[in-house]
Amino acid sequence: MALRCEQGDGPTCSPWDGGTQKTDFNTKRKKKVAEIYQALNSDPTDVAALRRMAISEGGLLTDEIRQKVWPKLLNVNTSDPSPAPGMPDEQREGLQEELIDIILLILERNPQLHYYQGYHDIVVTFLLVVGEKLATSLVEKLSTHHLRDFMDSTMDNTKHILNYLMPIIDQVNPELHDFMQSAEVGTIFALSWLITWFGHVLSDFKHVVRLYDFFLACHPLMPIYFAAVIVLYREQEVLDCDCDMASVHHLLSQIPQDLPYETLISRAGDLFVQFPPSELTREAAAQQQAERTAASTFKDFELASAQQRPDMVLRQRFRGLLRPEARTKDVLTKPRTNRFVKLAVMGLTVALGAAALAVVKSALEWAPKFQLQLFP
């Protein structure tokens, strides 16, 4: 099944990028900005609302807002930094020294971490958005959580995460999965996507920071779900290739620059809710040392109260929002077992994907283990 924009949506499928409905765009933007600042000014800060804003259409909108929200998403305590982004291109050449300083400082403070090729792509993104001082704090927190797997002395955990890619594709599109398996293309084409959060392969910086909004608000494995959605979106291109490793690898390693990002973000959120990592472990590579993986240190699934249990909240939300006929529709799942029927009844559709994921991610604190099952 191809994951494509609906006709007329345009390359990004997002009203946040302009279009004919300028008035509607400005109204939505102003409303979202107001909601973000309301969450920031709450006492305590409404991190759950900030996560919803970061995931939902348009993300956090501006670098000025990202300077304030990204620390909250990473639970980094810091005073408001002086504005640093938005500098002219000629000044960016001087960032290399700051980039090196940040990397060396983080590695010196955390000798268990190891530099990997591509780490600088992530660091420079934070440097450009929030400035050197805050970037150091944020990247250090990110390096010990979301990026922890990539910073081992070996690539074992990185390969383990890549091994989730094909099981996700198989759940959605067995034909595409089998074609790729026959071509023996593997998953190496997605390595740079994963370890740089797509910062190395996307030429437009606004798309990079939009994805960073999304990934910072989500589980550390979300980038592999987004990678899977890109492959699924390009289904027809892949199937039109010669069924050999060289042809398929060449196609997939050349990532399109005009992807419908908002649609794909919503799709990735849906897939994560439908097929959480806990349900894919048997099909992925053997589980590595759990205490050293990012999933084991991610704490967003420790919810702040019983009322925020995702299974309860999701059921209530979809009972209230979906039409009866929509509750039996599941556009992402192939018929395989009864558990997918249960997911279909819950109506985890594309249209509500980002909202559903936002509810699931509404935790307020980090916790030491990842054990919560989304559905009993």
Protein backbone atom coordinates (compact mmCIF):
# COMPACT_ATOMS: atom_id res chain seq x y z
CA MET A 1 0.00 0.00 0.00
CA ALA A 2 1.49 3.31 -1.00
CA LEU A 3 1.46 6.06 1.57
CA ARG A 4 0.68 9.08 -0.57
CA CYS A 5 -0.71 12.55 -0.04
CA GLU A 6 -4.33 13.07 -0.93
CA GLN A 7 -4.78 14.72 -4.29
CA GLY A 8 -4.32 18.44 -4.11
CA ASP A 9 -2.31 18.47 -0.90
CA GLY A 10 0.91 19.60 -2.58
CA PRO A 11 4.43 18.41 -1.79
CA THR A 12 4.31 18.94 1.96
CA CYS A 13 0.59 18.46 2.62
CA SER A 14 0.75 21.26 5.18
CA PRO A 15 -1.11 24.56 5.48
CA TRP A 16 1.75 25.75 7.67
CA ASP A 17 3.86 26.23 4.55
CA GLY A 18 1.53 28.76 2.99
CA GLY A 19 -1.01 28.18 0.23
CA THR A 20 -4.17 29.90 -0.86
CA GLN A 21 -5.82 29.92 2.56
CA LYS A 22 -3.55 32.60 3.98
CA THR A 23 -6.05 33.87 6.52
CA ASP A 24 -6.74 30.41 7.87
CA PHE A 25 -3.01 29.75 8.03
CA ASN A 26 -2.35 32.89 10.08
CA THR A 27 -5.22 32.14 12.43
CA LYS A 28 -3.99 28.61 13.08
CA ARG A 29 -0.45 29.81 13.57
CA LYS A 30 -1.42 32.50 16.07
CA LYS A 31 -3.58 30.06 17.99
CA LYS A 32 -0.80 27.51 18.18
CA VAL A 33 1.76 30.08 19.30
CA ALA A 34 -0.62 31.20 22.06
CA GLU A 35 -1.13 27.59 23.19
CA ILE A 36 2.62 26.96 23.27
CA TYR A 37 3.30 30.01 25.44
CA GLN A 38 0.37 29.15 27.68
CA ALA A 39 1.94 25.73 28.29
CA LEU A 40 5.37 27.31 28.86
CA ASN A 41 3.98 29.81 31.38
CA SER A 42 2.01 27.23 33.34
CA ASP A 43 3.26 26.39 36.81
CA PRO A 44 4.52 23.73 36.53
CA THR A 45 5.26 23.81 32.82
CA ASP A 46 2.73 21.76 30.88
CA VAL A 47 5.21 19.43 29.19
CA ALA A 48 2.42 17.16 27.93
CA ALA A 49 0.93 20.07 26.00
CA LEU A 50 4.36 21.02 24.63
CA ARG A 51 4.81 17.49 23.36
CA ARG A 52 1.47 17.68 21.61
CA MET A 53 2.46 20.99 20.03
CA ALA A 54 5.83 19.61 18.87
CA ILE A 55 4.22 16.55 17.29
CA SER A 56 1.17 18.18 15.76
CA GLU A 57 1.08 19.81 12.35
CA GLY A 58 3.71 22.51 11.89
CA GLY A 59 5.74 21.54 14.94
CA LEU A 60 7.12 24.37 17.05
CA LEU A 61 7.01 26.86 14.17
CA THR A 62 10.06 29.06 14.96
CA ASP A 63 13.58 28.75 16.33
CA GLU A 64 12.70 31.30 19.01
CA ILE A 65 10.06 28.92 20.33
CA ARG A 66 12.37 25.94 19.97
CA GLN A 67 14.90 27.67 22.22
CA LYS A 68 12.29 27.62 24.96
CA VAL A 69 10.58 24.29 24.32
CA TRP A 70 13.39 21.89 23.41
CA PRO A 71 14.91 22.12 26.92
CA LYS A 72 11.52 21.29 28.40
CA LEU A 73 11.14 18.24 26.18
CA LEU A 74 14.54 17.00 27.32
CA ASN A 75 13.97 17.98 30.95
CA VAL A 76 17.00 20.26 30.94
CA ASN A 77 16.92 23.03 33.54
CA THR A 78 18.41 26.20 32.14
CA SER A 79 17.80 29.91 32.03
CA ASP A 80 16.54 31.44 28.80
CA PRO A 81 19.50 31.74 26.40
CA SER A 82 20.27 34.91 24.53
CA PRO A 83 19.11 34.61 20.90
CA ALA A 84 21.82 33.06 18.75
CA PRO A 85 20.17 31.54 15.66
CA GLY A 86 19.24 33.36 12.50
CA MET A 87 22.80 34.40 11.75
CA PRO A 88 23.91 35.19 8.18
CA ASP A 89 25.56 32.43 6.19
CA GLU A 90 28.98 34.07 6.31
CA GLN A 91 28.98 33.87 10.10
CA ARG A 92 28.28 30.14 10.08
CA GLU A 93 31.85 29.41 9.04
CA GLY A 94 32.90 30.39 12.55
CA LEU A 95 30.67 27.72 14.03
CA GLN A 96 33.14 24.93 13.37
CA GLU A 97 35.24 25.83 16.41
CA GLU A 98 32.15 25.98 18.61
CA LEU A 99 30.98 22.67 17.19
CA ILE A 100 34.27 20.99 18.08
CA ASP A 101 34.22 22.53 21.55
CA ILE A 102 30.74 21.16 22.26
CA ILE A 103 31.61 17.66 21.08
CA LEU A 104 34.88 17.51 23.03
CA LEU A 105 33.24 18.82 26.20
CA ILE A 106 30.44 16.26 26.07
CA LEU A 107 32.83 13.38 25.42
CA GLU A 108 35.13 14.56 28.22
CA ARG A 109 32.24 14.69 30.70
CA ASN A 110 30.90 11.31 29.58
CA PRO A 111 33.78 8.91 28.93
CA GLN A 112 31.31 6.08 28.30
CA LEU A 113 30.22 7.85 25.10
CA HIS A 114 32.03 7.44 21.80
CA TYR A 115 31.95 9.78 18.84
CA TYR A 116 30.40 8.41 15.67
CA GLN A 117 30.40 9.76 12.14
CA GLY A 118 27.23 11.79 11.83
CA TYR A 119 27.11 12.99 15.44
CA HIS A 120 28.26 16.43 14.30
CA ASP A 121 25.16 16.72 12.08
CA ILE A 122 22.98 16.58 15.17
CA VAL A 123 25.20 18.89 17.21
CA VAL A 124 25.31 21.56 14.52
CA THR A 125 21.52 21.55 14.26
CA PHE A 126 21.21 22.38 17.95
CA LEU A 127 24.02 24.92 17.66
CA LEU A 128 22.25 26.77 14.86
CA VAL A 129 18.89 26.75 16.62
CA VAL A 130 19.73 27.50 20.26
CA GLY A 131 23.34 28.69 20.41
CA GLU A 132 26.46 27.17 21.97
CA LYS A 133 25.62 27.32 25.69
CA LEU A 134 22.20 25.73 25.49
CA ALA A 135 23.23 23.36 22.70
CA THR A 136 25.84 21.83 24.99
CA SER A 137 23.27 21.03 27.68
CA LEU A 138 20.66 19.71 25.26
CA VAL A 139 23.02 17.55 23.21
CA GLU A 140 24.58 16.12 26.35
CA LYS A 141 21.14 15.05 27.59
CA LEU A 142 20.25 13.71 24.17
CA SER A 143 23.53 11.79 23.97
CA THR A 144 22.78 9.91 27.19
CA HIS A 145 19.21 9.12 26.18
CA HIS A 146 17.90 9.19 22.60
CA LEU A 147 21.33 8.83 20.98
CA ARG A 148 22.83 6.52 23.59
CA ASP A 149 22.76 3.43 21.35
CA PHE A 150 24.76 5.12 18.61
CA MET A 151 27.52 6.17 21.03
CA ASP A 152 28.65 2.74 22.13
CA SER A 153 32.11 1.49 21.29
CA THR A 154 30.55 -0.91 18.77
CA MET A 155 27.62 -0.63 16.36
CA ASP A 156 25.73 -3.55 17.87
CA ASN A 157 22.90 -1.47 19.33
CA THR A 158 22.72 0.69 16.22
CA LYS A 159 22.30 -2.42 14.09
CA HIS A 160 19.68 -3.65 16.53
CA ILE A 161 17.60 -0.50 15.97
CA LEU A 162 17.99 -0.80 12.19
CA ASN A 163 16.63 -4.31 12.49
CA TYR A 164 13.23 -2.88 13.40
CA LEU A 165 12.88 -1.35 9.93
CA MET A 166 11.90 -4.44 7.95
CA PRO A 167 9.41 -5.79 10.53
CA ILE A 168 7.58 -2.44 10.48
CA ILE A 169 7.42 -2.52 6.68
CA ASP A 170 6.25 -6.14 6.78
CA GLN A 171 3.32 -5.29 9.04
CA VAL A 172 2.08 -2.65 6.60
CA ASN A 173 3.07 -3.94 3.18
CA PRO A 174 4.16 -7.61 2.95
CA GLU A 175 4.65 -7.36 -0.81
CA LEU A 176 7.14 -4.51 -0.49
CA HIS A 177 8.87 -6.29 2.38
CA ASP A 178 9.25 -9.51 0.39
CA PHE A 179 10.56 -7.62 -2.64
CA MET A 180 13.22 -5.92 -0.56
CA GLN A 181 14.14 -9.20 1.08
CA SER A 182 14.49 -10.84 -2.33
CA ALA A 183 16.71 -7.97 -3.45
CA GLU A 184 18.82 -8.47 -0.31
CA VAL A 185 19.05 -4.70 0.05
CA GLY A 186 19.36 -4.82 3.83
CA THR A 187 18.97 -1.66 5.91
CA ILE A 188 22.30 0.11 5.51
CA PHE A 189 20.66 2.70 3.23
CA ALA A 190 18.84 4.05 6.30
CA LEU A 191 21.90 4.25 8.56
CA SER A 192 22.66 7.94 7.95
CA TRP A 193 18.95 8.76 8.29
CA LEU A 194 18.84 7.18 11.71
CA ILE A 195 22.07 8.32 13.30
CA THR A 196 21.74 11.96 12.15
CA TRP A 197 17.97 12.24 12.57
CA PHE A 198 17.89 12.94 8.82
CA GLY A 199 20.05 16.04 9.30
CA HIS A 200 22.70 14.71 6.93
CA VAL A 201 20.36 13.86 4.06
CA LEU A 202 17.85 16.73 3.97
CA SER A 203 18.93 19.93 2.26
CA ASP A 204 16.23 22.23 3.64
CA PHE A 205 16.94 23.16 7.25
CA LYS A 206 13.28 23.86 8.02
CA HIS A 207 12.48 20.21 7.35
CA VAL A 208 15.33 19.08 9.59
CA VAL A 209 14.16 21.12 12.59
CA ARG A 210 10.56 20.05 11.98
CA LEU A 211 11.66 16.43 12.34
CA TYR A 212 13.70 17.32 15.42
CA ASP A 213 10.55 18.77 17.01
CA PHE A 214 8.83 15.45 16.36
CA PHE A 215 11.66 13.19 17.50
CA LEU A 216 12.39 15.16 20.67
CA ALA A 217 8.78 14.78 21.75
CA CYS A 218 8.67 11.04 21.07
CA HIS A 219 10.22 7.71 21.90
CA PRO A 220 13.88 7.29 20.84
CA LEU A 221 12.90 4.68 18.26
CA MET A 222 10.59 7.04 16.39
CA PRO A 223 13.24 7.85 13.74
CA ILE A 224 13.21 4.22 12.57
CA TYR A 225 9.43 4.39 12.22
CA PHE A 226 9.80 7.55 10.16
CA ALA A 227 12.40 5.78 8.02
CA ALA A 228 9.93 2.94 7.45
CA VAL A 229 7.23 5.40 6.42
CA ILE A 230 9.53 6.95 3.82
CA VAL A 231 10.17 3.53 2.29
CA LEU A 232 6.45 2.74 2.33
CA TYR A 233 5.68 6.08 0.69
CA ARG A 234 8.06 5.17 -2.14
CA GLU A 235 6.55 1.72 -2.63
CA GLN A 236 5.89 2.02 -6.36
CA GLU A 237 9.37 3.36 -7.08
CA VAL A 238 10.90 0.44 -5.22
CA LEU A 239 8.72 -2.18 -6.92
CA ASP A 240 9.55 -0.68 -10.31
CA CYS A 241 13.27 -1.27 -9.66
CA ASP A 242 15.18 -4.30 -10.77
CA CYS A 243 15.05 -6.75 -7.91
CA ASP A 244 18.70 -6.59 -6.98
CA MET A 245 20.62 -5.03 -4.16
CA ALA A 246 22.45 -2.41 -6.21
CA SER A 247 19.31 -0.98 -7.85
CA VAL A 248 17.16 -0.85 -4.73
CA HIS A 249 19.96 0.47 -2.53
CA HIS A 250 20.75 3.24 -5.03
CA LEU A 251 17.11 4.30 -5.15
CA LEU A 252 16.52 4.32 -1.40
CA SER A 253 19.82 5.99 -0.54
CA GLN A 254 18.74 9.01 -2.62
CA ILE A 255 16.10 10.48 -0.35
CA PRO A 256 13.60 12.83 -2.08
CA GLN A 257 13.66 16.44 -0.92
CA ASP A 258 9.97 17.09 -1.56
CA LEU A 259 8.48 14.57 0.85
CA PRO A 260 5.05 15.33 2.38
CA TYR A 261 6.54 15.70 5.84
CA GLU A 262 3.40 16.39 7.84
CA THR A 263 1.61 13.42 6.31
CA LEU A 264 4.58 11.14 6.95
CA ILE A 265 4.93 12.35 10.54
CA SER A 266 1.29 11.48 11.13
CA ARG A 267 1.79 8.06 9.50
CA ALA A 268 4.85 7.35 11.65
CA GLY A 269 2.86 8.20 14.77
CA ASP A 270 0.11 5.82 13.73
CA LEU A 271 2.54 3.00 13.08
CA PHE A 272 4.21 3.45 16.45
CA VAL A 273 0.85 3.19 18.22
CA GLN A 274 -0.21 0.18 16.16
CA PHE A 275 3.09 -1.67 16.25
CA PRO A 276 5.05 -0.56 19.32
CA PRO A 277 8.62 -1.82 19.70
CA SER A 278 7.50 -4.36 22.31
CA GLU A 279 5.47 -6.16 19.63
CA LEU A 280 8.30 -6.23 17.11
CA THR A 281 11.17 -7.50 19.22
CA ARG A 282 10.76 -11.11 18.11
CA GLU A 283 11.07 -10.08 14.50
CA ALA A 284 13.93 -7.68 15.10
CA ALA A 285 17.46 -8.71 16.00
CA ALA A 286 18.13 -10.34 19.36
CA GLN A 287 17.64 -7.95 22.23
CA GLN A 288 20.92 -6.40 23.39
CA GLN A 289 21.70 -5.35 26.93
CA ALA A 290 18.49 -3.58 27.85
CA GLU A 291 20.01 -1.28 30.42
CA ARG A 292 22.28 0.25 27.77
CA THR A 293 19.70 0.93 25.08
CA ALA A 294 17.86 4.17 24.57
CA ALA A 295 14.55 2.39 24.96
CA SER A 296 15.54 1.29 28.47
CA THR A 297 16.40 4.82 29.56
CA PHE A 298 13.44 6.51 27.94
CA LYS A 299 10.96 7.59 30.55
CA ASP A 300 8.03 9.08 28.71
CA PHE A 301 6.03 5.93 29.16
CA GLU A 302 5.98 6.40 32.93
CA LEU A 303 2.80 8.44 33.07
CA ALA A 304 2.11 11.16 35.59
CA SER A 305 -1.23 9.71 36.75
CA ALA A 306 -3.50 6.74 36.25
CA GLN A 307 -5.80 8.94 34.17
CA GLN A 308 -3.05 9.30 31.59
CA ARG A 309 -2.66 5.59 30.87
CA PRO A 310 -2.50 5.53 27.07
CA ASP A 311 -4.82 2.57 26.63
CA MET A 312 -7.53 4.36 28.63
CA VAL A 313 -7.01 7.77 27.05
CA LEU A 314 -6.88 6.43 23.52
CA ARG A 315 -10.09 4.45 23.91
CA GLN A 316 -11.91 7.45 25.34
CA ARG A 317 -10.58 9.75 22.65
CA PHE A 318 -11.48 7.57 19.71
CA ARG A 319 -14.91 6.63 21.05
CA GLY A 320 -15.71 10.32 21.22
CA LEU A 321 -14.10 11.54 17.99
CA LEU A 322 -14.65 8.86 15.39
CA ARG A 323 -17.82 8.20 13.44
CA PRO A 324 -19.15 4.64 13.92
CA GLU A 325 -18.21 3.62 10.39
CA ALA A 326 -14.66 4.92 10.91
CA ARG A 327 -14.11 2.69 13.91
CA THR A 328 -13.86 -0.38 11.70
CA LYS A 329 -11.40 1.13 9.25
CA ASP A 330 -7.69 0.45 9.47
CA VAL A 331 -5.83 1.72 6.43
CA LEU A 332 -2.38 0.80 7.67
CA THR A 333 -2.71 -2.80 8.80
CA LYS A 334 -2.64 -5.96 6.78
CA PRO A 335 -5.03 -8.72 7.96
CA ARG A 336 -2.94 -11.08 9.99
CA THR A 337 -4.06 -11.74 13.57
CA ASN A 338 -6.83 -10.83 15.98
CA ARG A 339 -4.74 -8.16 17.72
CA PHE A 340 -4.89 -6.09 14.56
CA VAL A 341 -8.66 -6.32 14.58
CA LYS A 342 -8.60 -4.79 18.06
CA LEU A 343 -6.41 -1.97 16.76
CA ALA A 344 -8.73 -1.42 13.81
CA VAL A 345 -11.74 -1.10 16.06
CA MET A 346 -9.90 1.60 18.00
CA GLY A 347 -9.73 3.53 14.74
CA LEU A 348 -6.07 4.52 14.71
CA THR A 349 -6.40 6.33 11.41
CA VAL A 350 -4.10 8.62 9.51
CA ALA A 351 -6.25 11.67 10.16
CA LEU A 352 -5.86 11.39 13.92
CA GLY A 353 -2.39 9.87 13.97
CA ALA A 354 -0.50 12.83 15.39
CA ALA A 355 -3.14 13.46 18.03
CA ALA A 356 -3.16 9.82 19.08
CA LEU A 357 0.59 9.74 19.40
CA ALA A 358 0.56 12.97 21.37
CA VAL A 359 -1.75 11.40 23.94
CA VAL A 360 0.48 8.36 24.20
CA LYS A 361 3.50 10.57 24.76
CA SER A 362 1.92 12.69 27.51
CA ALA A 363 4.34 11.72 30.26
CA LEU A 364 5.98 14.39 32.40
CA GLU A 365 9.03 12.63 33.79
CA TRP A 366 11.87 10.34 32.72
CA ALA A 367 11.83 6.79 34.11
CA PRO A 368 14.37 3.96 34.14
CA LYS A 369 12.65 1.35 32.01
CA PHE A 370 10.45 0.86 28.99
CA GLN A 371 7.87 -1.74 29.89
CA LEU A 372 4.46 -0.22 29.44
CA GLN A 373 2.26 -2.15 27.03
CA LEU A 374 0.04 0.13 25.01
CA PHE A 375 -2.81 -2.34 25.04
CA PRO A 376 -3.63 -4.89 27.74
